[in-house]
Structures are given as structure tokens and as C-alpha cells.
Protein backbone atom coordinates (compact mmCIF):
# COMPACT_ATOMS: atom_id res chain seq x y z
CA UNK A 1 0.00 0.00 0.00
CA UNK A 2 1.46 3.37 -1.05
CA UNK A 3 1.16 6.08 1.60
CA UNK A 4 0.49 9.52 0.26
CA UNK A 5 1.89 12.19 2.60
CA UNK A 6 2.96 15.75 1.98
CA UNK A 7 3.00 19.28 3.35
CA UNK A 8 0.74 21.77 1.63
CA UNK A 9 -0.76 25.23 2.04
CA UNK A 10 -3.86 25.09 4.23
CA UNK A 11 -7.35 25.62 2.87
CA UNK A 12 -10.49 26.85 4.63
CA UNK A 13 -11.88 23.31 4.63
CA UNK A 14 -9.03 22.23 6.95
CA UNK A 15 -10.59 24.15 9.86
CA UNK A 16 -12.01 21.01 11.51
CA UNK A 17 -8.49 19.56 11.77
CA UNK A 18 -6.44 22.69 12.39
CA UNK A 19 -8.61 24.26 15.11
CA UNK A 20 -8.07 21.38 17.59
CA UNK A 21 -4.35 21.46 16.74
CA UNK A 22 -4.21 25.18 17.59
CA UNK A 23 -6.04 24.56 20.88
CA UNK A 24 -3.62 21.74 21.70
CA UNK A 25 -0.59 23.92 20.93
CA UNK A 26 -1.86 26.88 22.94
CA UNK A 27 -3.07 24.87 25.93
CA UNK A 28 -3.64 27.40 28.74
CA UNK A 29 -3.79 30.35 26.30
CA UNK A 30 -6.82 28.94 24.49
CA UNK A 31 -8.59 28.62 27.83
CA UNK A 32 -7.63 32.21 28.69
CA UNK A 33 -8.87 33.47 25.30
CA UNK A 34 -12.35 32.00 25.91
CA UNK A 35 -12.53 32.75 29.66
CA UNK A 36 -12.49 28.99 30.36
CA UNK A 37 -15.61 28.37 28.27
CA UNK A 38 -14.49 24.82 27.49
CA UNK A 39 -12.69 22.93 24.75
CA UNK A 40 -15.59 22.93 22.28
CA UNK A 41 -15.84 26.73 22.52
CA UNK A 42 -12.07 27.06 22.09
CA UNK A 43 -12.20 24.89 18.96
CA UNK A 44 -15.14 26.89 17.59
CA UNK A 45 -13.21 30.14 18.13
CA UNK A 46 -10.20 28.90 16.17
CA UNK A 47 -12.37 27.36 13.43
CA UNK A 48 -13.91 30.78 12.93
CA UNK A 49 -10.63 32.69 12.76
CA UNK A 50 -8.86 30.02 10.72
CA UNK A 51 -11.46 30.44 7.97
CA UNK A 52 -11.09 34.23 7.89
CA UNK A 53 -8.40 36.25 6.17
CA UNK A 54 -6.21 38.86 7.82
CA UNK A 55 -5.46 37.38 11.24
CA UNK A 56 -2.60 35.41 12.73
CA UNK A 57 -4.56 32.12 12.82
CA UNK A 58 -5.88 32.38 9.25
CA UNK A 59 -5.56 29.58 6.72
CA UNK A 60 -3.49 32.14 4.77
CA UNK A 61 -0.67 31.75 7.32
CA UNK A 62 -0.93 27.99 7.78
CA UNK A 63 0.56 24.85 6.30
CA UNK A 64 -0.61 21.31 7.01
CA UNK A 65 0.91 17.85 6.96
CA UNK A 66 -1.50 15.52 5.18
CA UNK A 67 -1.29 11.75 4.98
CA UNK A 68 -3.76 9.57 3.10
CA UNK A 69 -6.22 12.48 2.91
CA UNK A 70 -6.13 13.34 6.61
CA UNK A 71 -4.46 16.36 8.23
CA UNK A 72 -2.14 15.11 11.00
CA UNK A 73 -0.35 18.34 11.90
CA UNK A 74 -0.20 22.04 11.17
CA UNK A 75 1.94 25.12 11.61
CA UNK A 76 1.30 28.80 11.14
CA UNK A 77 3.72 31.65 10.67
CA UNK A 78 3.86 35.24 9.47
CA UNK A 79 5.85 38.46 9.28
CA UNK A 80 6.64 39.43 12.88
CA UNK A 81 6.39 43.11 11.90
CA UNK A 82 2.69 42.58 11.15
CA UNK A 83 1.86 41.04 14.54
CA UNK A 84 -0.27 43.92 15.80
CA UNK A 85 -2.22 44.14 12.54
CA UNK A 86 -2.84 40.36 12.49
CA UNK A 87 -3.60 40.16 16.21
CA UNK A 88 -6.09 43.02 16.30
CA UNK A 89 -9.23 41.28 14.88
CA UNK A 90 -8.71 38.24 17.11
CA UNK A 91 -8.06 40.23 20.29
CA UNK A 92 -10.97 42.60 19.61
CA UNK A 93 -13.31 39.64 19.12
CA UNK A 94 -12.32 37.74 22.26
CA UNK A 95 -12.41 40.90 24.35
CA UNK A 96 -15.97 41.62 23.19
CA UNK A 97 -17.31 38.04 23.23
CA UNK A 98 -15.51 36.51 26.22
CA UNK A 99 -14.75 39.71 28.18
CA UNK A 100 -11.07 38.84 28.27
CA UNK A 101 -8.97 41.29 30.23
CA UNK A 102 -5.44 41.39 28.87
CA UNK A 103 -2.47 42.03 31.13
CA UNK A 104 -1.26 45.65 31.11
CA UNK A 105 2.15 44.60 29.83
CA UNK A 106 3.04 44.96 26.17
CA UNK A 107 3.54 41.27 25.43
CA UNK A 108 4.82 40.68 21.92
CA UNK A 109 6.09 37.23 21.07
CA UNK A 110 7.86 38.37 17.93
CA UNK A 111 9.44 41.43 16.38
CA UNK A 112 9.89 43.19 13.03
CA UNK A 113 12.42 41.61 10.68
CA UNK A 114 11.56 38.10 11.80
CA UNK A 115 9.41 35.43 10.17
CA UNK A 116 7.57 34.17 13.22
CA UNK A 117 6.47 30.55 13.65
CA UNK A 118 3.44 30.85 15.90
CA UNK A 119 2.31 27.26 16.43
CA UNK A 120 3.45 23.80 15.40
CA UNK A 121 1.11 21.03 16.44
CA UNK A 122 0.73 17.33 15.68
CA UNK A 123 -2.10 15.11 16.86
CA UNK A 124 -0.92 13.05 19.89
CA UNK A 125 -1.26 9.67 18.17
CA UNK A 126 1.01 10.89 15.35
CA UNK A 127 3.74 12.46 17.49
CA UNK A 128 7.25 11.02 17.46
CA UNK A 129 7.10 10.26 13.72
CA UNK A 130 9.00 13.31 12.49
CA UNK A 131 5.92 15.29 11.41
CA UNK A 132 6.73 18.23 13.70
CA UNK A 133 10.28 18.37 12.34
CA UNK A 134 9.00 18.37 8.76
CA UNK A 135 6.56 21.18 9.53
CA UNK A 136 9.34 23.16 11.21
CA UNK A 137 11.63 22.79 8.19
CA UNK A 138 8.79 23.75 5.84
CA UNK A 139 8.19 26.93 7.85
CA UNK A 140 11.90 27.77 7.74
CA UNK A 141 11.75 27.32 3.96
CA UNK A 142 8.68 29.56 3.77
CA UNK A 143 10.50 32.29 5.70
CA UNK A 144 13.50 31.88 3.40
CA UNK A 145 11.30 32.16 0.29
CA UNK A 146 9.86 35.38 1.71
CA UNK A 147 13.44 36.71 2.06
CA UNK A 148 13.58 36.84 5.85
CA UNK A 149 17.03 36.65 7.41
CA UNK A 150 15.70 35.49 10.79
CA UNK A 151 13.11 32.87 11.68
CA UNK A 152 11.82 33.13 15.23
CA UNK A 153 9.63 31.32 17.72
CA UNK A 154 9.09 31.15 21.44
CA UNK A 155 9.16 28.03 23.56
CA UNK A 156 7.76 27.55 27.04
CA UNK A 157 10.67 27.36 29.49
CA UNK A 158 9.24 24.06 30.77
CA UNK A 159 9.02 22.41 27.33
CA UNK A 160 12.52 20.99 26.95
CA UNK A 161 11.44 18.45 24.30
CA UNK A 162 10.36 21.25 21.96
CA UNK A 163 13.49 23.25 22.69
CA UNK A 164 15.64 20.22 21.80
CA UNK A 165 13.85 19.93 18.45
CA UNK A 166 14.42 23.61 17.66
CA UNK A 167 18.06 23.73 18.72
CA UNK A 168 18.78 20.50 16.83
CA UNK A 169 17.98 22.26 13.54
CA UNK A 170 19.93 25.41 14.41
CA UNK A 171 17.74 27.72 16.47
CA UNK A 172 19.62 29.69 19.12
CA UNK A 173 18.39 31.45 22.24
CA UNK A 174 18.32 35.23 21.85
CA UNK A 175 16.29 36.43 24.85
CA UNK A 176 13.59 35.63 27.35
CA UNK A 177 10.07 36.95 27.00
CA UNK A 178 6.96 37.04 29.10
CA UNK A 179 3.79 36.47 27.10
CA UNK A 180 0.37 36.45 28.76
CA UNK A 181 1.98 35.88 32.13
CA UNK A 182 4.11 32.89 31.09
CA UNK A 183 7.89 32.93 30.65
CA UNK A 184 9.21 31.84 27.28
CA UNK A 185 12.56 31.59 25.58
CA UNK A 186 12.77 33.39 22.24
CA UNK A 187 14.80 31.38 19.72
CA UNK A 188 15.95 32.44 16.28
CA UNK A 189 17.30 30.69 13.21
CA UNK A 190 19.68 32.60 10.95
CA UNK A 191 18.75 32.09 7.31
CA UNK A 192 21.81 31.59 5.12
């Protein structure tokens, strides 16, 4: 039996697969964004924004790993200099709908001049098969094709497995950041 697997640009129809992957990747943040309304509400929120243009979670900024017609993982990334523009519709919506009160700090997980990888997520039953690594490399290639000299991401200080994956391919620690009350390490990859 020939297995058909590849990475491709996401389409709106992928929302049913990608939304749970985003919720999984964000963990406590997705609960915060919906004021602890529950997993189904979190998934619904990301389905909605994934299918819209002009926000950080849009299908426009997403790639998926597909095998035998099923999406097993996804990653999204975008120009770090456009963070505020891409974040605005999402933050305005969750503030109005879920009455989310954001911390007073100016938490930015990325910066101008950087292609930012926001989330990489693989369904639990498919983890450990190299899918996350392939998605990471595809996002690095996307940043390279867009002529970025730096590819960036943040990793939770407690997630050493993810940090090992990123440093294995050449990401280096550049600073520490606080985002939504959680401490992260900001890593960057220099594009050659």
C-alpha cells in the first residue's frame, strides 16, 4: 500500500483539523482566550478565525501535513512586523465576546524583521514520527522564500522536548520573553 503524505498550504476546509491542533498547541492560552468556556468553545473560536483572512490564525498563514487524505499536523507563521495588525481582529473579538482582560504589559512574542512561527502542532497519536520536524523545516523554507534573514519562535521554558527539536535544527536562544503571564525563551534561526 502506497502512503500519500505531503505538506501543503492550508485551505479553509481544513478548519475542523487545524482548530483542535491550535487549541492543543496553545493549551492554557486557548482557555484564557475564551474565559475557560471549554474545549468545544475554544475549537469553535479557532475554526472561525482560521477560515477568515487577515489574522494570525488564518488559513493564509498555515501549512498542514496531510497523509492519506487526513491532516495530522499544522503550523502557522507570518511576518513578525505585522503582529499587531494580524492580532487586532482576534483580540478585539475575544475581548468583546468573552470579556477577556489582557495584562497591562506589552507582550509581543515576535518582532519586526523576523518570520515568526506561531504554532506547530501534531495530533498526539502521530507524534514522534517526524511530522513536527518536517513542519518546522517547511516553515523555515517559507520564511527563506519570503526573504527573511531570521526565523523566530518562542518556547515555554518548561518544554525541553520542543526546545531540543528547535536547537537541533539550528535555532539559538536570543532572549527571554513574558507572554500572557508565562515565561518563554525566544529562539531564532539565521537564514543563510
